[in-house]
Amino acid sequence: MLVYLLVACDRLDEKQEKKLKRNLPDLQAALQAYVDENEAGKVTLINDCESDDCEDWQLGISQPVKKKAQLKTPVTLFNDLAKQYGIDCEVGSIENDERDPVSYFGKQEGQGDAFLIGEYLGV
């Protein structure tokens, strides 16, 4: 199953948008480093932040998973990013190039749990 984890860039207030724009280079660098470290796991960077409007941004990763344990590392990464940068995250599956969100976690939503997310995804 192909899963994705994204920085939640929609439904932000003005203060959250400014903070996200300010932290964008650091978030991109952290995600790129994760992708580089997990090249063997076929992790891909999702980085479409060209728009002036944060709501249109797509920033995160996708990776294939076969079992819940494989979700632990990316969920931990996004939990750490949420703590450090005050963001929320969206996680879900990708089928036929369509994203299907199953859970949100982070600053506002609370810490993500890899086991529960695996249950939601049906892994």
PDB file of N, CA and C in Angstrom:
ATOM      1  N   MET A   1       0.842  -1.175   0.000  1.00  0.00           N
ATOM      2  CA  MET A   1       0.000   0.000   0.000  1.00  0.00           C
ATOM      3  C   MET A   1       0.891   1.243   0.000  1.00  0.00           C
ATOM      4  N   LEU A   2       0.497   2.207  -0.799  1.00  0.00           N
ATOM      5  CA  LEU A   2       1.231   3.467  -0.842  1.00  0.00           C
ATOM      6  C   LEU A   2       0.556   4.443   0.106  1.00  0.00           C
ATOM      7  N   VAL A   3       1.312   4.949   1.082  1.00  0.00           N
ATOM      8  CA  VAL A   3       0.765   5.914   2.036  1.00  0.00           C
ATOM      9  C   VAL A   3       1.452   7.266   1.848  1.00  0.00           C
ATOM     10  N   TYR A   4       0.774   8.297   2.321  1.00  0.00           N
ATOM     11  CA  TYR A   4       1.364   9.628   2.285  1.00  0.00           C
ATOM     12  C   TYR A   4       1.197  10.287   3.643  1.00  0.00           C
ATOM     13  N   LEU A   5       2.124  11.169   3.951  1.00  0.00           N
ATOM     14  CA  LEU A   5       2.025  12.040   5.113  1.00  0.00           C
ATOM     15  C   LEU A   5       2.311  13.443   4.616  1.00  0.00           C
ATOM     16  N   LEU A   6       1.402  14.354   4.890  1.00  0.00           N
ATOM     17  CA  LEU A   6       1.533  15.731   4.430  1.00  0.00           C
ATOM     18  C   LEU A   6       1.462  16.702   5.598  1.00  0.00           C
ATOM     19  N   VAL A   7       2.120  17.827   5.442  1.00  0.00           N
ATOM     20  CA  VAL A   7       1.924  18.949   6.352  1.00  0.00           C
ATOM     21  C   VAL A   7       0.551  19.518   6.000  1.00  0.00           C
ATOM     22  N   ALA A   8      -0.316  19.655   6.983  1.00  0.00           N
ATOM     23  CA  ALA A   8      -1.652  20.212   6.736  1.00  0.00           C
ATOM     24  C   ALA A   8      -1.514  21.715   6.489  1.00  0.00           C
ATOM     25  N   CYS A   9      -1.742  22.129   5.246  1.00  0.00           N
ATOM     26  CA  CYS A   9      -1.537  23.521   4.849  1.00  0.00           C
ATOM     27  C   CYS A   9      -2.855  24.262   4.647  1.00  0.00           C
ATOM     28  N   ASP A  10      -3.973  23.576   4.828  1.00  0.00           N
ATOM     29  CA  ASP A  10      -5.267  24.234   4.628  1.00  0.00           C
ATOM     30  C   ASP A  10      -5.906  24.576   5.974  1.00  0.00           C
ATOM     31  N   ARG A  11      -6.884  25.424   5.935  1.00  0.00           N
ATOM     32  CA  ARG A  11      -7.621  25.872   7.125  1.00  0.00           C
ATOM     33  C   ARG A  11      -6.711  26.484   8.196  1.00  0.00           C
ATOM     34  N   LEU A  12      -5.702  27.222   7.763  1.00  0.00           N
ATOM     35  CA  LEU A  12      -4.794  27.888   8.703  1.00  0.00           C
ATOM     36  C   LEU A  12      -5.228  29.339   8.884  1.00  0.00           C
ATOM     37  N   ASP A  13      -5.034  29.854  10.101  1.00  0.00           N
ATOM     38  CA  ASP A  13      -5.280  31.277  10.283  1.00  0.00           C
ATOM     39  C   ASP A  13      -4.034  32.048   9.819  1.00  0.00           C
ATOM     40  N   GLU A  14      -4.132  33.363   9.812  1.00  0.00           N
ATOM     41  CA  GLU A  14      -3.049  34.199   9.277  1.00  0.00           C
ATOM     42  C   GLU A  14      -1.723  33.969  10.001  1.00  0.00           C
ATOM     43  N   LYS A  15      -1.784  33.859  11.315  1.00  0.00           N
ATOM     44  CA  LYS A  15      -0.578  33.648  12.128  1.00  0.00           C
ATOM     45  C   LYS A  15       0.075  32.292  11.779  1.00  0.00           C
ATOM     46  N   GLN A  16      -0.745  31.247  11.624  1.00  0.00           N
ATOM     47  CA  GLN A  16      -0.224  29.925  11.280  1.00  0.00           C
ATOM     48  C   GLN A  16       0.394  29.930   9.885  1.00  0.00           C
ATOM     49  N   GLU A  17      -0.230  30.641   8.942  1.00  0.00           N
ATOM     50  CA  GLU A  17       0.307  30.725   7.581  1.00  0.00           C
ATOM     51  C   GLU A  17       1.671  31.403   7.572  1.00  0.00           C
ATOM     52  N   LYS A  18       1.792  32.506   8.305  1.00  0.00           N
ATOM     53  CA  LYS A  18       3.075  33.216   8.363  1.00  0.00           C
ATOM     54  C   LYS A  18       4.159  32.311   8.934  1.00  0.00           C
ATOM     55  N   LYS A  19       3.819  31.583   9.987  1.00  0.00           N
ATOM     56  CA  LYS A  19       4.779  30.684  10.616  1.00  0.00           C
ATOM     57  C   LYS A  19       5.177  29.564   9.648  1.00  0.00           C
ATOM     58  N   LEU A  20       4.197  29.012   8.927  1.00  0.00           N
ATOM     59  CA  LEU A  20       4.484  27.946   7.963  1.00  0.00           C
ATOM     60  C   LEU A  20       5.395  28.463   6.852  1.00  0.00           C
ATOM     61  N   LYS A  21       5.100  29.640   6.329  1.00  0.00           N
ATOM     62  CA  LYS A  21       5.933  30.221   5.261  1.00  0.00           C
ATOM     63  C   LYS A  21       7.355  30.462   5.764  1.00  0.00           C
ATOM     64  N   ARG A  22       7.476  30.933   6.998  1.00  0.00           N
ATOM     65  CA  ARG A  22       8.796  31.194   7.583  1.00  0.00           C
ATOM     66  C   ARG A  22       9.588  29.892   7.764  1.00  0.00           C
ATOM     67  N   ASN A  23       8.886  28.815   8.140  1.00  0.00           N
ATOM     68  CA  ASN A  23       9.563  27.537   8.407  1.00  0.00           C
ATOM     69  C   ASN A  23       9.667  26.621   7.190  1.00  0.00           C
ATOM     70  N   LEU A  24       9.116  27.048   6.057  1.00  0.00           N
ATOM     71  CA  LEU A  24       9.093  26.188   4.872  1.00  0.00           C
ATOM     72  C   LEU A  24      10.464  25.635   4.492  1.00  0.00           C
ATOM     73  N   PRO A  25      11.523  26.450   4.399  1.00  0.00           N
ATOM     74  CA  PRO A  25      12.824  25.884   4.011  1.00  0.00           C
ATOM     75  C   PRO A  25      13.313  24.786   4.967  1.00  0.00           C
ATOM     76  N   ASP A  26      13.086  24.973   6.273  1.00  0.00           N
ATOM     77  CA  ASP A  26      13.512  23.972   7.252  1.00  0.00           C
ATOM     78  C   ASP A  26      12.693  22.695   7.129  1.00  0.00           C
ATOM     79  N   LEU A  27      11.398  22.836   6.903  1.00  0.00           N
ATOM     80  CA  LEU A  27      10.539  21.661   6.713  1.00  0.00           C
ATOM     81  C   LEU A  27      10.943  20.897   5.453  1.00  0.00           C
ATOM     82  N   GLN A  28      11.185  21.634   4.365  1.00  0.00           N
ATOM     83  CA  GLN A  28      11.607  20.993   3.119  1.00  0.00           C
ATOM     84  C   GLN A  28      12.936  20.261   3.313  1.00  0.00           C
ATOM     85  N   ALA A  29      13.858  20.874   4.023  1.00  0.00           N
ATOM     86  CA  ALA A  29      15.166  20.249   4.265  1.00  0.00           C
ATOM     87  C   ALA A  29      15.019  18.976   5.100  1.00  0.00           C
ATOM     88  N   ALA A  30      14.185  19.021   6.138  1.00  0.00           N
ATOM     89  CA  ALA A  30      13.978  17.850   6.998  1.00  0.00           C
ATOM     90  C   ALA A  30      13.348  16.701   6.203  1.00  0.00           C
ATOM     91  N   LEU A  31      12.371  17.016   5.369  1.00  0.00           N
ATOM     92  CA  LEU A  31      11.719  15.978   4.566  1.00  0.00           C
ATOM     93  C   LEU A  31      12.665  15.417   3.513  1.00  0.00           C
ATOM     94  N   GLN A  32      13.456  16.290   2.888  1.00  0.00           N
ATOM     95  CA  GLN A  32      14.431  15.828   1.888  1.00  0.00           C
ATOM     96  C   GLN A  32      15.461  14.912   2.541  1.00  0.00           C
ATOM     97  N   ALA A  33      15.903  15.249   3.736  1.00  0.00           N
ATOM     98  CA  ALA A  33      16.871  14.406   4.457  1.00  0.00           C
ATOM     99  C   ALA A  33      16.262  13.030   4.741  1.00  0.00           C
ATOM    100  N   TYR A  34      14.996  12.989   5.141  1.00  0.00           N
ATOM    101  CA  TYR A  34      14.320  11.713   5.396  1.00  0.00           C
ATOM    102  C   TYR A  34      14.243  10.888   4.109  1.00  0.00           C
ATOM    103  N   VAL A  35      13.898  11.537   2.993  1.00  0.00           N
ATOM    104  CA  VAL A  35      13.816  10.845   1.705  1.00  0.00           C
ATOM    105  C   VAL A  35      15.191  10.277   1.322  1.00  0.00           C
ATOM    106  N   ASP A  36      16.241  11.098   1.489  1.00  0.00           N
ATOM    107  CA  ASP A  36      17.599  10.657   1.165  1.00  0.00           C
ATOM    108  C   ASP A  36      18.025   9.469   2.017  1.00  0.00           C
ATOM    109  N   GLU A  37      17.678   9.499   3.306  1.00  0.00           N
ATOM    110  CA  GLU A  37      18.055   8.416   4.229  1.00  0.00           C
ATOM    111  C   GLU A  37      17.279   7.125   3.962  1.00  0.00           C
ATOM    112  N   ASN A  38      16.124   7.239   3.322  1.00  0.00           N
ATOM    113  CA  ASN A  38      15.246   6.083   3.121  1.00  0.00           C
ATOM    114  C   ASN A  38      15.034   5.761   1.647  1.00  0.00           C
ATOM    115  N   GLU A  39      16.061   6.036   0.857  1.00  0.00           N
ATOM    116  CA  GLU A  39      15.996   5.801  -0.580  1.00  0.00           C
ATOM    117  C   GLU A  39      15.652   4.342  -0.901  1.00  0.00           C
ATOM    118  N   ALA A  40      16.204   3.426  -0.134  1.00  0.00           N
ATOM    119  CA  ALA A  40      15.955   2.001  -0.365  1.00  0.00           C
ATOM    120  C   ALA A  40      14.487   1.647  -0.130  1.00  0.00           C
ATOM    121  N   GLY A  41      13.810   2.413   0.724  1.00  0.00           N
ATOM    122  CA  GLY A  41      12.403   2.162   1.015  1.00  0.00           C
ATOM    123  C   GLY A  41      11.453   2.805   0.023  1.00  0.00           C
ATOM    124  N   LYS A  42      12.011   3.342  -1.078  1.00  0.00           N
ATOM    125  CA  LYS A  42      11.211   3.984  -2.136  1.00  0.00           C
ATOM    126  C   LYS A  42      10.356   5.148  -1.616  1.00  0.00           C
ATOM    127  N   VAL A  43      10.922   5.903  -0.680  1.00  0.00           N
ATOM    128  CA  VAL A  43      10.241   7.086  -0.155  1.00  0.00           C
ATOM    129  C   VAL A  43      10.386   8.217  -1.166  1.00  0.00           C
ATOM    130  N   THR A  44       9.288   8.933  -1.420  1.00  0.00           N
ATOM    131  CA  THR A  44       9.313  10.037  -2.376  1.00  0.00           C
ATOM    132  C   THR A  44       8.896  11.335  -1.689  1.00  0.00           C
ATOM    133  N   LEU A  45       9.526  12.410  -2.106  1.00  0.00           N
ATOM    134  CA  LEU A  45       9.200  13.732  -1.577  1.00  0.00           C
ATOM    135  C   LEU A  45       8.013  14.308  -2.349  1.00  0.00           C
ATOM    136  N   ILE A  46       7.062  14.852  -1.637  1.00  0.00           N
ATOM    137  CA  ILE A  46       5.961  15.607  -2.238  1.00  0.00           C
ATOM    138  C   ILE A  46       6.249  17.063  -1.882  1.00  0.00           C
ATOM    139  N   ASN A  47       6.559  17.873  -2.886  1.00  0.00           N
ATOM    140  CA  ASN A  47       6.979  19.250  -2.617  1.00  0.00           C
ATOM    141  C   ASN A  47       6.432  20.174  -3.693  1.00  0.00           C
ATOM    142  N   ASP A  48       5.194  20.576  -3.530  1.00  0.00           N
ATOM    143  CA  ASP A  48       4.551  21.489  -4.466  1.00  0.00           C
ATOM    144  C   ASP A  48       4.096  22.716  -3.677  1.00  0.00           C
ATOM    145  N   CYS A  49       5.021  23.650  -3.513  1.00  0.00           N
ATOM    146  CA  CYS A  49       4.756  24.839  -2.692  1.00  0.00           C
ATOM    147  C   CYS A  49       5.008  26.114  -3.493  1.00  0.00           C
ATOM    148  N   GLU A  50       4.664  26.091  -4.779  1.00  0.00           N
ATOM    149  CA  GLU A  50       4.924  27.233  -5.658  1.00  0.00           C
ATOM    150  C   GLU A  50       3.912  28.359  -5.474  1.00  0.00           C
ATOM    151  N   SER A  51       2.694  28.021  -5.094  1.00  0.00           N
ATOM    152  CA  SER A  51       1.623  29.007  -4.975  1.00  0.00           C
ATOM    153  C   SER A  51       1.912  30.001  -3.837  1.00  0.00           C
ATOM    154  N   ASP A  52       1.363  31.197  -3.949  1.00  0.00           N
ATOM    155  CA  ASP A  52       1.457  32.181  -2.875  1.00  0.00           C
ATOM    156  C   ASP A  52       0.496  31.833  -1.749  1.00  0.00           C
ATOM    157  N   ASP A  53      -0.477  30.984  -2.046  1.00  0.00           N
ATOM    158  CA  ASP A  53      -1.508  30.601  -1.093  1.00  0.00           C
ATOM    159  C   ASP A  53      -1.154  29.251  -0.458  1.00  0.00           C
ATOM    160  N   CYS A  54      -0.902  29.269   0.845  1.00  0.00           N
ATOM    161  CA  CYS A  54      -0.525  28.034   1.566  1.00  0.00           C
ATOM    162  C   CYS A  54      -1.538  26.914   1.361  1.00  0.00           C
ATOM    163  N   GLU A  55      -2.794  27.284   1.209  1.00  0.00           N
ATOM    164  CA  GLU A  55      -3.855  26.284   1.075  1.00  0.00           C
ATOM    165  C   GLU A  55      -3.633  25.365  -0.132  1.00  0.00           C
ATOM    166  N   ASP A  56      -2.910  25.846  -1.139  1.00  0.00           N
ATOM    167  CA  ASP A  56      -2.650  25.064  -2.342  1.00  0.00           C
ATOM    168  C   ASP A  56      -1.401  24.186  -2.222  1.00  0.00           C
ATOM    169  N   TRP A  57      -0.652  24.357  -1.154  1.00  0.00           N
ATOM    170  CA  TRP A  57       0.601  23.624  -1.002  1.00  0.00           C
ATOM    171  C   TRP A  57       0.368  22.141  -0.747  1.00  0.00           C
ATOM    172  N   GLN A  58       1.309  21.340  -1.243  1.00  0.00           N
ATOM    173  CA  GLN A  58       1.379  19.904  -0.962  1.00  0.00           C
ATOM    174  C   GLN A  58       2.819  19.640  -0.529  1.00  0.00           C
ATOM    175  N   LEU A  59       3.022  19.379   0.740  1.00  0.00           N
ATOM    176  CA  LEU A  59       4.368  19.172   1.266  1.00  0.00           C
ATOM    177  C   LEU A  59       4.369  17.954   2.174  1.00  0.00           C
ATOM    178  N   GLY A  60       5.166  16.958   1.806  1.00  0.00           N
ATOM    179  CA  GLY A  60       5.239  15.749   2.626  1.00  0.00           C
ATOM    180  C   GLY A  60       5.999  14.643   1.919  1.00  0.00           C
ATOM    181  N   ILE A  61       5.608  13.410   2.232  1.00  0.00           N
ATOM    182  CA  ILE A  61       6.263  12.241   1.656  1.00  0.00           C
ATOM    183  C   ILE A  61       5.222  11.186   1.302  1.00  0.00           C
ATOM    184  N   SER A  62       5.632  10.289   0.420  1.00  0.00           N
ATOM    185  CA  SER A  62       4.844   9.079   0.190  1.00  0.00           C
ATOM    186  C   SER A  62       5.812   7.911   0.254  1.00  0.00           C
ATOM    187  N   GLN A  63       5.302   6.766   0.690  1.00  0.00           N
ATOM    188  CA  GLN A  63       6.135   5.575   0.744  1.00  0.00           C
ATOM    189  C   GLN A  63       5.264   4.329   0.803  1.00  0.00           C
ATOM    190  N   PRO A  64       5.757   3.252   0.207  1.00  0.00           N
ATOM    191  CA  PRO A  64       5.015   1.996   0.289  1.00  0.00           C
ATOM    192  C   PRO A  64       5.200   1.357   1.670  1.00  0.00           C
ATOM    193  N   VAL A  65       4.123   0.783   2.215  1.00  0.00           N
ATOM    194  CA  VAL A  65       4.209   0.046   3.479  1.00  0.00           C
ATOM    195  C   VAL A  65       3.438  -1.265   3.347  1.00  0.00           C
ATOM    196  N   LYS A  66       3.970  -2.290   4.000  1.00  0.00           N
ATOM    197  CA  LYS A  66       3.319  -3.593   4.003  1.00  0.00           C
ATOM    198  C   LYS A  66       2.802  -3.962   5.392  1.00  0.00           C
ATOM    199  N   LYS A  67       3.415  -3.351   6.426  1.00  0.00           N
ATOM    200  CA  LYS A  67       2.984  -3.653   7.794  1.00  0.00           C
ATOM    201  C   LYS A  67       3.063  -2.401   8.661  1.00  0.00           C
ATOM    202  N   LYS A  68       2.334  -2.431   9.766  1.00  0.00           N
ATOM    203  CA  LYS A  68       2.231  -1.264  10.661  1.00  0.00           C
ATOM    204  C   LYS A  68       3.589  -0.747  11.118  1.00  0.00           C
ATOM    205  N   ALA A  69       4.523  -1.672  11.373  1.00  0.00           N
ATOM    206  CA  ALA A  69       5.838  -1.272  11.892  1.00  0.00           C
ATOM    207  C   ALA A  69       6.541  -0.283  10.968  1.00  0.00           C
ATOM    208  N   GLN A  70       6.257  -0.356   9.680  1.00  0.00           N
ATOM    209  CA  GLN A  70       6.896   0.552   8.723  1.00  0.00           C
ATOM    210  C   GLN A  70       6.368   1.982   8.841  1.00  0.00           C
ATOM    211  N   LEU A  71       5.292   2.174   9.563  1.00  0.00           N
ATOM    212  CA  LEU A  71       4.740   3.521   9.759  1.00  0.00           C
ATOM    213  C   LEU A  71       5.406   4.249  10.918  1.00  0.00           C
ATOM    214  N   LYS A  72       6.073   3.515  11.792  1.00  0.00           N
ATOM    215  CA  LYS A  72       6.647   4.103  13.001  1.00  0.00           C
ATOM    216  C   LYS A  72       7.616   5.249  12.695  1.00  0.00           C
ATOM    217  N   THR A  73       8.553   5.028  11.790  1.00  0.00           N
ATOM    218  CA  THR A  73       9.566   6.053  11.497  1.00  0.00           C
ATOM    219  C   THR A  73       8.962   7.313  10.872  1.00  0.00           C
ATOM    220  N   PRO A  74       8.138   7.207   9.811  1.00  0.00           N
ATOM    221  CA  PRO A  74       7.586   8.455   9.263  1.00  0.00           C
ATOM    222  C   PRO A  74       6.632   9.164  10.225  1.00  0.00           C
ATOM    223  N   VAL A  75       5.861   8.420  11.001  1.00  0.00           N
ATOM    224  CA  VAL A  75       4.951   9.059  11.961  1.00  0.00           C
ATOM    225  C   VAL A  75       5.755   9.771  13.048  1.00  0.00           C
ATOM    226  N   THR A  76       6.831   9.148  13.498  1.00  0.00           N
ATOM    227  CA  THR A  76       7.714   9.791  14.478  1.00  0.00           C
ATOM    228  C   THR A  76       8.311  11.075  13.901  1.00  0.00           C
ATOM    229  N   LEU A  77       8.750  11.018  12.646  1.00  0.00           N
ATOM    230  CA  LEU A  77       9.298  12.213  11.983  1.00  0.00           C
ATOM    231  C   LEU A  77       8.270  13.339  11.995  1.00  0.00           C
ATOM    232  N   PHE A  78       7.051  13.040  11.590  1.00  0.00           N
ATOM    233  CA  PHE A  78       6.034  14.081  11.521  1.00  0.00           C
ATOM    234  C   PHE A  78       5.591  14.545  12.905  1.00  0.00           C
ATOM    235  N   ASN A  79       5.602  13.656  13.899  1.00  0.00           N
ATOM    236  CA  ASN A  79       5.335  14.083  15.285  1.00  0.00           C
ATOM    237  C   ASN A  79       6.398  15.073  15.737  1.00  0.00           C
ATOM    238  N   ASP A  80       7.667  14.777  15.420  1.00  0.00           N
ATOM    239  CA  ASP A  80       8.767  15.672  15.789  1.00  0.00           C
ATOM    240  C   ASP A  80       8.645  17.023  15.076  1.00  0.00           C
ATOM    241  N   LEU A  81       8.307  16.990  13.781  1.00  0.00           N
ATOM    242  CA  LEU A  81       8.133  18.234  13.024  1.00  0.00           C
ATOM    243  C   LEU A  81       6.964  19.042  13.587  1.00  0.00           C
ATOM    244  N   ALA A  82       5.898  18.348  13.991  1.00  0.00           N
ATOM    245  CA  ALA A  82       4.727  19.024  14.571  1.00  0.00           C
ATOM    246  C   ALA A  82       5.107  19.746  15.853  1.00  0.00           C
ATOM    247  N   LYS A  83       5.911  19.068  16.688  1.00  0.00           N
ATOM    248  CA  LYS A  83       6.352  19.694  17.945  1.00  0.00           C
ATOM    249  C   LYS A  83       7.247  20.892  17.673  1.00  0.00           C
ATOM    250  N   GLN A  84       8.196  20.706  16.753  1.00  0.00           N
ATOM    251  CA  GLN A  84       9.196  21.735  16.488  1.00  0.00           C
ATOM    252  C   GLN A  84       8.605  22.958  15.775  1.00  0.00           C
ATOM    253  N   TYR A  85       7.694  22.724  14.816  1.00  0.00           N
ATOM    254  CA  TYR A  85       7.216  23.821  13.980  1.00  0.00           C
ATOM    255  C   TYR A  85       5.738  24.169  14.191  1.00  0.00           C
ATOM    256  N   GLY A  86       5.075  23.486  15.114  1.00  0.00           N
ATOM    257  CA  GLY A  86       3.684  23.809  15.413  1.00  0.00           C
ATOM    258  C   GLY A  86       2.725  23.512  14.274  1.00  0.00           C
ATOM    259  N   ILE A  87       2.955  22.418  13.554  1.00  0.00           N
ATOM    260  CA  ILE A  87       2.116  22.073  12.410  1.00  0.00           C
ATOM    261  C   ILE A  87       1.203  20.881  12.730  1.00  0.00           C
ATOM    262  N   ASP A  88       0.231  20.680  11.886  1.00  0.00           N
ATOM    263  CA  ASP A  88      -0.572  19.461  11.900  1.00  0.00           C
ATOM    264  C   ASP A  88      -0.244  18.676  10.640  1.00  0.00           C
ATOM    265  N   CYS A  89      -0.568  17.387  10.666  1.00  0.00           N
ATOM    266  CA  CYS A  89      -0.219  16.497   9.571  1.00  0.00           C
ATOM    267  C   CYS A  89      -1.444  15.697   9.143  1.00  0.00           C
ATOM    268  N   GLU A  90      -1.461  15.352   7.876  1.00  0.00           N
ATOM    269  CA  GLU A  90      -2.514  14.503   7.312  1.00  0.00           C
ATOM    270  C   GLU A  90      -1.850  13.222   6.840  1.00  0.00           C
ATOM    271  N   VAL A  91      -2.481  12.084   7.103  1.00  0.00           N
ATOM    272  CA  VAL A  91      -1.956  10.801   6.648  1.00  0.00           C
ATOM    273  C   VAL A  91      -3.073  10.032   5.971  1.00  0.00           C
ATOM    274  N   GLY A  92      -2.712   9.287   4.928  1.00  0.00           N
ATOM    275  CA  GLY A  92      -3.706   8.507   4.212  1.00  0.00           C
ATOM    276  C   GLY A  92      -3.058   7.606   3.187  1.00  0.00           C
ATOM    277  N   SER A  93      -3.880   7.042   2.336  1.00  0.00           N
ATOM    278  CA  SER A  93      -3.379   6.136   1.303  1.00  0.00           C
ATOM    279  C   SER A  93      -3.533   6.785  -0.072  1.00  0.00           C
ATOM    280  N   ILE A  94      -2.759   6.259  -1.011  1.00  0.00           N
ATOM    281  CA  ILE A  94      -2.834   6.727  -2.397  1.00  0.00           C
ATOM    282  C   ILE A  94      -3.192   5.526  -3.267  1.00  0.00           C
ATOM    283  N   GLU A  95      -4.293   5.656  -3.988  1.00  0.00           N
ATOM    284  CA  GLU A  95      -4.698   4.632  -4.953  1.00  0.00           C
ATOM    285  C   GLU A  95      -5.097   5.331  -6.237  1.00  0.00           C
ATOM    286  N   ASN A  96      -4.559   4.863  -7.371  1.00  0.00           N
ATOM    287  CA  ASN A  96      -4.853   5.464  -8.673  1.00  0.00           C
ATOM    288  C   ASN A  96      -4.633   6.978  -8.662  1.00  0.00           C
ATOM    289  N   ASP A  97      -3.520   7.399  -8.047  1.00  0.00           N
ATOM    290  CA  ASP A  97      -3.150   8.818  -7.934  1.00  0.00           C
ATOM    291  C   ASP A  97      -4.157   9.663  -7.149  1.00  0.00           C
ATOM    292  N   GLU A  98      -5.059   9.026  -6.411  1.00  0.00           N
ATOM    293  CA  GLU A  98      -6.024   9.728  -5.570  1.00  0.00           C
ATOM    294  C   GLU A  98      -5.639   9.541  -4.108  1.00  0.00           C
ATOM    295  N   ARG A  99      -5.591  10.649  -3.362  1.00  0.00           N
ATOM    296  CA  ARG A  99      -5.287  10.574  -1.931  1.00  0.00           C
ATOM    297  C   ARG A  99      -6.567  10.395  -1.129  1.00  0.00           C
ATOM    298  N   ASP A 100      -6.515   9.476  -0.159  1.00  0.00           N
ATOM    299  CA  ASP A 100      -7.643   9.211   0.712  1.00  0.00           C
ATOM    300  C   ASP A 100      -7.182   9.399   2.158  1.00  0.00           C
ATOM    301  N   PRO A 101      -7.448  10.569   2.772  1.00  0.00           N
ATOM    302  CA  PRO A 101      -6.992  10.811   4.143  1.00  0.00           C
ATOM    303  C   PRO A 101      -7.718   9.928   5.154  1.00  0.00           C
ATOM    304  N   VAL A 102      -6.970   9.440   6.150  1.00  0.00           N
ATOM    305  CA  VAL A 102      -7.575   8.614   7.197  1.00  0.00           C
ATOM    306  C   VAL A 102      -7.400   9.215   8.591  1.00  0.00           C
ATOM    307  N   SER A 103      -6.429  10.121   8.757  1.00  0.00           N
ATOM    308  CA  SER A 103      -6.177  10.666  10.088  1.00  0.00           C
ATOM    309  C   SER A 103      -5.403  11.972  10.008  1.00  0.00           C
ATOM    310  N   TYR A 104      -5.570  12.761  11.052  1.00  0.00           N
ATOM    311  CA  TYR A 104      -4.808  14.001  11.227  1.00  0.00           C
ATOM    312  C   TYR A 104      -4.174  13.956  12.606  1.00  0.00           C
ATOM    313  N   PHE A 105      -2.971  14.509  12.723  1.00  0.00           N
ATOM    314  CA  PHE A 105      -2.309  14.585  14.014  1.00  0.00           C
ATOM    315  C   PHE A 105      -1.331  15.733  14.001  1.00  0.00           C
ATOM    316  N   GLY A 106      -0.848  16.100  15.188  1.00  0.00           N
ATOM    317  CA  GLY A 106       0.132  17.175  15.273  1.00  0.00           C
ATOM    318  C   GLY A 106      -0.168  18.143  16.390  1.00  0.00           C
ATOM    319  N   LYS A 107       0.176  19.403  16.186  1.00  0.00           N
ATOM    320  CA  LYS A 107       0.059  20.455  17.203  1.00  0.00           C
ATOM    321  C   LYS A 107      -1.368  20.567  17.744  1.00  0.00           C
ATOM    322  N   GLN A 108      -2.346  20.715  16.860  1.00  0.00           N
ATOM    323  CA  GLN A 108      -3.736  20.884  17.290  1.00  0.00           C
ATOM    324  C   GLN A 108      -4.422  19.546  17.550  1.00  0.00           C
ATOM    325  N   GLU A 109      -4.083  18.539  16.752  1.00  0.00           N
ATOM    326  CA  GLU A 109      -4.804  17.265  16.764  1.00  0.00           C
ATOM    327  C   GLU A 109      -4.255  16.248  17.762  1.00  0.00           C
ATOM    328  N   GLY A 110      -3.079  16.507  18.310  1.00  0.00           N
ATOM    329  CA  GLY A 110      -2.461  15.543  19.227  1.00  0.00           C
ATOM    330  C   GLY A 110      -1.502  14.624  18.487  1.00  0.00           C
ATOM    331  N   GLN A 111      -0.681  13.954  19.245  1.00  0.00           N
ATOM    332  CA  GLN A 111       0.380  13.114  18.691  1.00  0.00           C
ATOM    333  C   GLN A 111      -0.191  11.945  17.879  1.00  0.00           C
ATOM    334  N   GLY A 112       0.460  11.671  16.749  1.00  0.00           N
ATOM    335  CA  GLY A 112       0.066  10.547  15.905  1.00  0.00           C
ATOM    336  C   GLY A 112       0.559   9.233  16.482  1.00  0.00           C
ATOM    337  N   ASP A 113      -0.225   8.168  16.308  1.00  0.00           N
ATOM    338  CA  ASP A 113       0.116   6.838  16.793  1.00  0.00           C
ATOM    339  C   ASP A 113       0.203   5.906  15.591  1.00  0.00           C
ATOM    340  N   ALA A 114       1.398   5.402  15.311  1.00  0.00           N
ATOM    341  CA  ALA A 114       1.634   4.579  14.119  1.00  0.00           C
ATOM    342  C   ALA A 114       0.734   3.345  14.095  1.00  0.00           C
ATOM    343  N   PHE A 115       0.525   2.711  15.249  1.00  0.00           N
ATOM    344  CA  PHE A 115      -0.307   1.511  15.289  1.00  0.00           C
ATOM    345  C   PHE A 115      -1.758   1.840  14.905  1.00  0.00           C
ATOM    346  N   LEU A 116      -2.313   2.903  15.502  1.00  0.00           N
ATOM    347  CA  LEU A 116      -3.681   3.301  15.179  1.00  0.00           C
ATOM    348  C   LEU A 116      -3.815   3.719  13.711  1.00  0.00           C
ATOM    349  N   ILE A 117      -2.841   4.467  13.220  1.00  0.00           N
ATOM    350  CA  ILE A 117      -2.869   4.880  11.823  1.00  0.00           C
ATOM    351  C   ILE A 117      -2.842   3.653  10.915  1.00  0.00           C
ATOM    352  N   GLY A 118      -2.032   2.660  11.286  1.00  0.00           N
ATOM    353  CA  GLY A 118      -2.004   1.394  10.545  1.00  0.00           C
ATOM    354  C   GLY A 118      -3.366   0.724  10.524  1.00  0.00           C
ATOM    355  N   GLU A 119      -4.070   0.780  11.662  1.00  0.00           N
ATOM    356  CA  GLU A 119      -5.431   0.216  11.728  1.00  0.00           C
ATOM    357  C   GLU A 119      -6.363   0.971  10.783  1.00  0.00           C
ATOM    358  N   TYR A 120      -6.293   2.301  10.820  1.00  0.00           N
ATOM    359  CA  TYR A 120      -7.147   3.122   9.950  1.00  0.00           C
ATOM    360  C   TYR A 120      -6.899   2.825   8.470  1.00  0.00           C
ATOM    361  N   LEU A 121      -5.604   2.594   8.162  1.00  0.00           N
ATOM    362  CA  LEU A 121      -5.225   2.318   6.775  1.00  0.00           C
ATOM    363  C   LEU A 121      -5.543   0.876   6.362  1.00  0.00           C
ATOM    364  N   GLY A 122      -5.730   0.015   7.336  1.00  0.00           N
ATOM    365  CA  GLY A 122      -5.969  -1.392   7.030  1.00  0.00           C
ATOM    366  C   GLY A 122      -4.696  -2.143   6.686  1.00  0.00           C
ATOM    367  N   VAL A 123      -3.580  -1.726   7.257  1.00  0.00           N
ATOM    368  CA  VAL A 123      -2.291  -2.376   6.998  1.00  0.00           C
ATOM    369  C   VAL A 123      -2.137  -3.555   7.939  1.00  0.00           C
TER     370      VAL A 123
END
